[in-house]
């Protein structure tokens, strides 16, 4: 899975939980709704720490496992 695919999946997880981009911004995960959009569409590749923080916010964790 590529970084962009992980970021898009995070967007789908957010939507499944009924969270708006505005709510994510209000909770301090991103600085603007546009930043959430750029992250979730993969337009702006995020640092691993940002991906981990966002997934944690959504109740998930990023894990690397053997093939």
PDB file of N, CA and C in Angstrom:
ATOM      1  N   UNK A   1       0.854  -1.171   0.000  1.00  0.00           N
ATOM      2  CA  UNK A   1       0.000   0.000   0.000  1.00  0.00           C
ATOM      3  C   UNK A   1       0.902   1.237   0.000  1.00  0.00           C
ATOM      4  N   UNK A   2       0.592   2.175  -0.873  1.00  0.00           N
ATOM      5  CA  UNK A   2       1.386   3.401  -0.958  1.00  0.00           C
ATOM      6  C   UNK A   2       0.923   4.404   0.101  1.00  0.00           C
ATOM      7  N   UNK A   3       1.735   5.443   0.291  1.00  0.00           N
ATOM      8  CA  UNK A   3       1.367   6.505   1.243  1.00  0.00           C
ATOM      9  C   UNK A   3       0.039   7.150   0.832  1.00  0.00           C
ATOM     10  N   UNK A   4      -0.131   7.387  -0.469  1.00  0.00           N
ATOM     11  CA  UNK A   4      -1.370   7.999  -0.945  1.00  0.00           C
ATOM     12  C   UNK A   4      -2.576   7.109  -0.664  1.00  0.00           C
ATOM     13  N   UNK A   5      -2.418   5.812  -0.823  1.00  0.00           N
ATOM     14  CA  UNK A   5      -3.521   4.883  -0.552  1.00  0.00           C
ATOM     15  C   UNK A   5      -3.880   4.880   0.933  1.00  0.00           C
ATOM     16  N   UNK A   6      -2.880   4.947   1.785  1.00  0.00           N
ATOM     17  CA  UNK A   6      -3.129   5.005   3.231  1.00  0.00           C
ATOM     18  C   UNK A   6      -3.879   6.288   3.572  1.00  0.00           C
ATOM     19  N   UNK A   7      -3.463   7.389   2.984  1.00  0.00           N
ATOM     20  CA  UNK A   7      -4.113   8.662   3.253  1.00  0.00           C
ATOM     21  C   UNK A   7      -5.565   8.650   2.757  1.00  0.00           C
ATOM     22  N   UNK A   8      -5.806   8.093   1.571  1.00  0.00           N
ATOM     23  CA  UNK A   8      -7.184   8.014   1.057  1.00  0.00           C
ATOM     24  C   UNK A   8      -8.030   7.100   1.938  1.00  0.00           C
ATOM     25  N   UNK A   9      -7.440   6.006   2.405  1.00  0.00           N
ATOM     26  CA  UNK A   9      -8.164   5.092   3.297  1.00  0.00           C
ATOM     27  C   UNK A   9      -8.539   5.812   4.592  1.00  0.00           C
ATOM     28  N   UNK A  10      -7.648   6.633   5.098  1.00  0.00           N
ATOM     29  CA  UNK A  10      -7.943   7.400   6.314  1.00  0.00           C
ATOM     30  C   UNK A  10      -9.158   8.302   6.079  1.00  0.00           C
ATOM     31  N   UNK A  11      -9.247   8.887   4.896  1.00  0.00           N
ATOM     32  CA  UNK A  11     -10.418   9.717   4.559  1.00  0.00           C
ATOM     33  C   UNK A  11     -11.703   8.904   4.560  1.00  0.00           C
ATOM     34  N   UNK A  12     -11.643   7.690   4.025  1.00  0.00           N
ATOM     35  CA  UNK A  12     -12.830   6.832   4.032  1.00  0.00           C
ATOM     36  C   UNK A  12     -13.211   6.448   5.464  1.00  0.00           C
ATOM     37  N   UNK A  13     -12.215   6.184   6.302  1.00  0.00           N
ATOM     38  CA  UNK A  13     -12.488   5.843   7.700  1.00  0.00           C
ATOM     39  C   UNK A  13     -13.153   7.020   8.411  1.00  0.00           C
ATOM     40  N   UNK A  14     -12.678   8.233   8.138  1.00  0.00           N
ATOM     41  CA  UNK A  14     -13.273   9.432   8.745  1.00  0.00           C
ATOM     42  C   UNK A  14     -14.729   9.542   8.339  1.00  0.00           C
ATOM     43  N   UNK A  15     -14.990   9.376   7.041  1.00  0.00           N
ATOM     44  CA  UNK A  15     -16.366   9.483   6.551  1.00  0.00           C
ATOM     45  C   UNK A  15     -17.262   8.404   7.160  1.00  0.00           C
ATOM     46  N   UNK A  16     -16.754   7.179   7.284  1.00  0.00           N
ATOM     47  CA  UNK A  16     -17.535   6.091   7.883  1.00  0.00           C
ATOM     48  C   UNK A  16     -17.924   6.416   9.323  1.00  0.00           C
ATOM     49  N   UNK A  17     -17.062   7.167  10.006  1.00  0.00           N
ATOM     50  CA  UNK A  17     -17.340   7.535  11.391  1.00  0.00           C
ATOM     51  C   UNK A  17     -18.228   8.769  11.484  1.00  0.00           C
ATOM     52  N   UNK A  18     -18.581   9.336  10.351  1.00  0.00           N
ATOM     53  CA  UNK A  18     -19.460  10.500  10.339  1.00  0.00           C
ATOM     54  C   UNK A  18     -18.776  11.782  10.796  1.00  0.00           C
ATOM     55  N   UNK A  19     -17.459  11.817  10.725  1.00  0.00           N
ATOM     56  CA  UNK A  19     -16.717  13.011  11.136  1.00  0.00           C
ATOM     57  C   UNK A  19     -16.528  13.939   9.947  1.00  0.00           C
ATOM     58  N   UNK A  20     -16.812  15.201  10.142  1.00  0.00           N
ATOM     59  CA  UNK A  20     -16.594  16.180   9.081  1.00  0.00           C
ATOM     60  C   UNK A  20     -15.141  16.645   9.093  1.00  0.00           C
ATOM     61  N   UNK A  21     -14.715  17.194   7.972  1.00  0.00           N
ATOM     62  CA  UNK A  21     -13.368  17.773   7.907  1.00  0.00           C
ATOM     63  C   UNK A  21     -13.265  18.935   8.897  1.00  0.00           C
ATOM     64  N   UNK A  22     -14.352  19.659   9.037  1.00  0.00           N
ATOM     65  CA  UNK A  22     -14.370  20.783   9.971  1.00  0.00           C
ATOM     66  C   UNK A  22     -14.135  20.299  11.406  1.00  0.00           C
ATOM     67  N   UNK A  23     -14.749  19.190  11.775  1.00  0.00           N
ATOM     68  CA  UNK A  23     -14.573  18.627  13.124  1.00  0.00           C
ATOM     69  C   UNK A  23     -13.119  18.211  13.352  1.00  0.00           C
ATOM     70  N   UNK A  24     -12.526  17.595  12.333  1.00  0.00           N
ATOM     71  CA  UNK A  24     -11.116  17.190  12.424  1.00  0.00           C
ATOM     72  C   UNK A  24     -10.245  18.422  12.663  1.00  0.00           C
ATOM     73  N   UNK A  25     -10.545  19.495  11.944  1.00  0.00           N
ATOM     74  CA  UNK A  25      -9.799  20.743  12.113  1.00  0.00           C
ATOM     75  C   UNK A  25     -10.024  21.318  13.509  1.00  0.00           C
ATOM     76  N   UNK A  26     -11.275  21.326  13.961  1.00  0.00           N
ATOM     77  CA  UNK A  26     -11.587  21.853  15.298  1.00  0.00           C
ATOM     78  C   UNK A  26     -10.844  21.087  16.389  1.00  0.00           C
ATOM     79  N   UNK A  27     -10.685  19.791  16.191  1.00  0.00           N
ATOM     80  CA  UNK A  27     -10.001  18.962  17.190  1.00  0.00           C
ATOM     81  C   UNK A  27      -8.480  19.095  17.124  1.00  0.00           C
ATOM     82  N   UNK A  28      -7.990  19.942  16.219  1.00  0.00           N
ATOM     83  CA  UNK A  28      -6.565  20.262  16.182  1.00  0.00           C
ATOM     84  C   UNK A  28      -5.690  19.271  15.439  1.00  0.00           C
ATOM     85  N   UNK A  29      -6.286  18.397  14.646  1.00  0.00           N
ATOM     86  CA  UNK A  29      -5.493  17.424  13.911  1.00  0.00           C
ATOM     87  C   UNK A  29      -4.841  18.090  12.698  1.00  0.00           C
ATOM     88  N   UNK A  30      -5.567  18.965  12.026  1.00  0.00           N
ATOM     89  CA  UNK A  30      -5.052  19.749  10.910  1.00  0.00           C
ATOM     90  C   UNK A  30      -5.409  21.204  11.139  1.00  0.00           C
ATOM     91  N   UNK A  31      -4.720  22.089  10.421  1.00  0.00           N
ATOM     92  CA  UNK A  31      -4.925  23.522  10.634  1.00  0.00           C
ATOM     93  C   UNK A  31      -6.079  24.096   9.817  1.00  0.00           C
ATOM     94  N   UNK A  32      -6.541  23.359   8.804  1.00  0.00           N
ATOM     95  CA  UNK A  32      -7.654  23.846   7.994  1.00  0.00           C
ATOM     96  C   UNK A  32      -8.362  22.668   7.328  1.00  0.00           C
ATOM     97  N   UNK A  33      -9.568  22.925   6.858  1.00  0.00           N
ATOM     98  CA  UNK A  33     -10.298  21.891   6.113  1.00  0.00           C
ATOM     99  C   UNK A  33      -9.570  21.562   4.815  1.00  0.00           C
ATOM    100  N   UNK A  34      -8.932  22.569   4.215  1.00  0.00           N
ATOM    101  CA  UNK A  34      -8.158  22.332   2.991  1.00  0.00           C
ATOM    102  C   UNK A  34      -6.985  21.396   3.265  1.00  0.00           C
ATOM    103  N   UNK A  35      -6.375  21.510   4.428  1.00  0.00           N
ATOM    104  CA  UNK A  35      -5.270  20.620   4.779  1.00  0.00           C
ATOM    105  C   UNK A  35      -5.764  19.182   4.904  1.00  0.00           C
ATOM    106  N   UNK A  36      -6.960  19.005   5.454  1.00  0.00           N
ATOM    107  CA  UNK A  36      -7.550  17.666   5.553  1.00  0.00           C
ATOM    108  C   UNK A  36      -7.763  17.111   4.147  1.00  0.00           C
ATOM    109  N   UNK A  37      -8.306  17.919   3.261  1.00  0.00           N
ATOM    110  CA  UNK A  37      -8.552  17.494   1.880  1.00  0.00           C
ATOM    111  C   UNK A  37      -7.248  17.118   1.186  1.00  0.00           C
ATOM    112  N   UNK A  38      -6.228  17.966   1.312  1.00  0.00           N
ATOM    113  CA  UNK A  38      -4.939  17.665   0.677  1.00  0.00           C
ATOM    114  C   UNK A  38      -4.361  16.371   1.202  1.00  0.00           C
ATOM    115  N   UNK A  39      -4.508  16.133   2.502  1.00  0.00           N
ATOM    116  CA  UNK A  39      -4.011  14.894   3.103  1.00  0.00           C
ATOM    117  C   UNK A  39      -4.782  13.694   2.570  1.00  0.00           C
ATOM    118  N   UNK A  40      -6.099  13.745   2.648  1.00  0.00           N
ATOM    119  CA  UNK A  40      -6.935  12.591   2.313  1.00  0.00           C
ATOM    120  C   UNK A  40      -6.940  12.246   0.825  1.00  0.00           C
ATOM    121  N   UNK A  41      -6.637  13.202  -0.022  1.00  0.00           N
ATOM    122  CA  UNK A  41      -6.585  12.928  -1.455  1.00  0.00           C
ATOM    123  C   UNK A  41      -5.182  12.532  -1.898  1.00  0.00           C
ATOM    124  N   UNK A  42      -4.220  12.658  -1.005  1.00  0.00           N
ATOM    125  CA  UNK A  42      -2.851  12.309  -1.342  1.00  0.00           C
ATOM    126  C   UNK A  42      -2.144  13.383  -2.136  1.00  0.00           C
ATOM    127  N   UNK A  43      -2.770  14.545  -2.302  1.00  0.00           N
ATOM    128  CA  UNK A  43      -2.140  15.655  -3.023  1.00  0.00           C
ATOM    129  C   UNK A  43      -0.862  16.071  -2.303  1.00  0.00           C
ATOM    130  N   UNK A  44      -0.912  16.052  -0.988  1.00  0.00           N
ATOM    131  CA  UNK A  44       0.246  16.401  -0.177  1.00  0.00           C
ATOM    132  C   UNK A  44       0.624  15.172   0.649  1.00  0.00           C
ATOM    133  N   UNK A  45       1.755  14.571   0.312  1.00  0.00           N
ATOM    134  CA  UNK A  45       2.212  13.407   1.053  1.00  0.00           C
ATOM    135  C   UNK A  45       2.616  13.847   2.455  1.00  0.00           C
ATOM    136  N   UNK A  46       2.097  13.164   3.438  1.00  0.00           N
ATOM    137  CA  UNK A  46       2.319  13.541   4.836  1.00  0.00           C
ATOM    138  C   UNK A  46       3.501  12.795   5.434  1.00  0.00           C
ATOM    139  N   UNK A  47       4.031  13.367   6.493  1.00  0.00           N
ATOM    140  CA  UNK A  47       5.050  12.687   7.283  1.00  0.00           C
ATOM    141  C   UNK A  47       4.399  11.507   7.992  1.00  0.00           C
ATOM    142  N   UNK A  48       5.172  10.512   8.268  1.00  0.00           N
ATOM    143  CA  UNK A  48       4.668   9.320   8.941  1.00  0.00           C
ATOM    144  C   UNK A  48       4.033   9.669  10.281  1.00  0.00           C
ATOM    145  N   UNK A  49       4.603  10.619  10.996  1.00  0.00           N
ATOM    146  CA  UNK A  49       4.034  11.012  12.293  1.00  0.00           C
ATOM    147  C   UNK A  49       2.638  11.595  12.134  1.00  0.00           C
ATOM    148  N   UNK A  50       2.405  12.327  11.041  1.00  0.00           N
ATOM    149  CA  UNK A  50       1.078  12.890  10.783  1.00  0.00           C
ATOM    150  C   UNK A  50       0.085  11.775  10.481  1.00  0.00           C
ATOM    151  N   UNK A  51       0.500  10.803   9.676  1.00  0.00           N
ATOM    152  CA  UNK A  51      -0.357   9.665   9.354  1.00  0.00           C
ATOM    153  C   UNK A  51      -0.716   8.918  10.636  1.00  0.00           C
ATOM    154  N   UNK A  52       0.280   8.650  11.457  1.00  0.00           N
ATOM    155  CA  UNK A  52       0.039   7.931  12.715  1.00  0.00           C
ATOM    156  C   UNK A  52      -0.898   8.711  13.634  1.00  0.00           C
ATOM    157  N   UNK A  53      -0.683  10.011  13.736  1.00  0.00           N
ATOM    158  CA  UNK A  53      -1.520  10.845  14.609  1.00  0.00           C
ATOM    159  C   UNK A  53      -2.969  10.856  14.131  1.00  0.00           C
ATOM    160  N   UNK A  54      -3.167  10.953  12.818  1.00  0.00           N
ATOM    161  CA  UNK A  54      -4.519  10.979  12.269  1.00  0.00           C
ATOM    162  C   UNK A  54      -5.203   9.630  12.461  1.00  0.00           C
ATOM    163  N   UNK A  55      -4.491   8.549  12.183  1.00  0.00           N
ATOM    164  CA  UNK A  55      -5.072   7.220  12.388  1.00  0.00           C
ATOM    165  C   UNK A  55      -5.408   6.989  13.857  1.00  0.00           C
ATOM    166  N   UNK A  56      -4.552   7.445  14.755  1.00  0.00           N
ATOM    167  CA  UNK A  56      -4.830   7.319  16.191  1.00  0.00           C
ATOM    168  C   UNK A  56      -6.096   8.089  16.553  1.00  0.00           C
ATOM    169  N   UNK A  57      -6.233   9.277  16.015  1.00  0.00           N
ATOM    170  CA  UNK A  57      -7.434  10.094  16.230  1.00  0.00           C
ATOM    171  C   UNK A  57      -8.687   9.342  15.788  1.00  0.00           C
ATOM    172  N   UNK A  58      -8.557   8.593  14.687  1.00  0.00           N
ATOM    173  CA  UNK A  58      -9.695   7.833  14.158  1.00  0.00           C
ATOM    174  C   UNK A  58      -9.896   6.493  14.858  1.00  0.00           C
ATOM    175  N   UNK A  59      -8.966   6.144  15.767  1.00  0.00           N
ATOM    176  CA  UNK A  59      -9.098   4.893  16.509  1.00  0.00           C
ATOM    177  C   UNK A  59      -8.386   3.721  15.862  1.00  0.00           C
ATOM    178  N   UNK A  60      -7.414   4.005  15.014  1.00  0.00           N
ATOM    179  CA  UNK A  60      -6.654   2.966  14.328  1.00  0.00           C
ATOM    180  C   UNK A  60      -5.172   3.164  14.583  1.00  0.00           C
ATOM    181  N   UNK A  61      -4.379   2.156  14.208  1.00  0.00           N
ATOM    182  CA  UNK A  61      -2.937   2.309  14.299  1.00  0.00           C
ATOM    183  C   UNK A  61      -2.291   1.763  13.036  1.00  0.00           C
ATOM    184  N   UNK A  62      -1.166   2.332  12.705  1.00  0.00           N
ATOM    185  CA  UNK A  62      -0.390   1.893  11.567  1.00  0.00           C
ATOM    186  C   UNK A  62       0.575   0.837  12.067  1.00  0.00           C
ATOM    187  N   UNK A  63       0.589  -0.303  11.388  1.00  0.00           N
ATOM    188  CA  UNK A  63       1.428  -1.402  11.847  1.00  0.00           C
ATOM    189  C   UNK A  63       2.144  -2.019  10.656  1.00  0.00           C
ATOM    190  N   UNK A  64       3.399  -2.325  10.840  1.00  0.00           N
ATOM    191  CA  UNK A  64       4.180  -3.003   9.817  1.00  0.00           C
ATOM    192  C   UNK A  64       4.343  -4.442  10.245  1.00  0.00           C
ATOM    193  N   UNK A  65       3.931  -5.352   9.377  1.00  0.00           N
ATOM    194  CA  UNK A  65       3.994  -6.769   9.689  1.00  0.00           C
ATOM    195  C   UNK A  65       4.716  -7.512   8.570  1.00  0.00           C
ATOM    196  N   UNK A  66       5.279  -8.664   8.879  1.00  0.00           N
ATOM    197  CA  UNK A  66       5.955  -9.438   7.834  1.00  0.00           C
ATOM    198  C   UNK A  66       4.977  -9.896   6.763  1.00  0.00           C
ATOM    199  N   UNK A  67       5.490 -10.086   5.577  1.00  0.00           N
ATOM    200  CA  UNK A  67       4.666 -10.590   4.467  1.00  0.00           C
ATOM    201  C   UNK A  67       4.239 -12.006   4.719  1.00  0.00           C
TER     202      UNK A  67
END
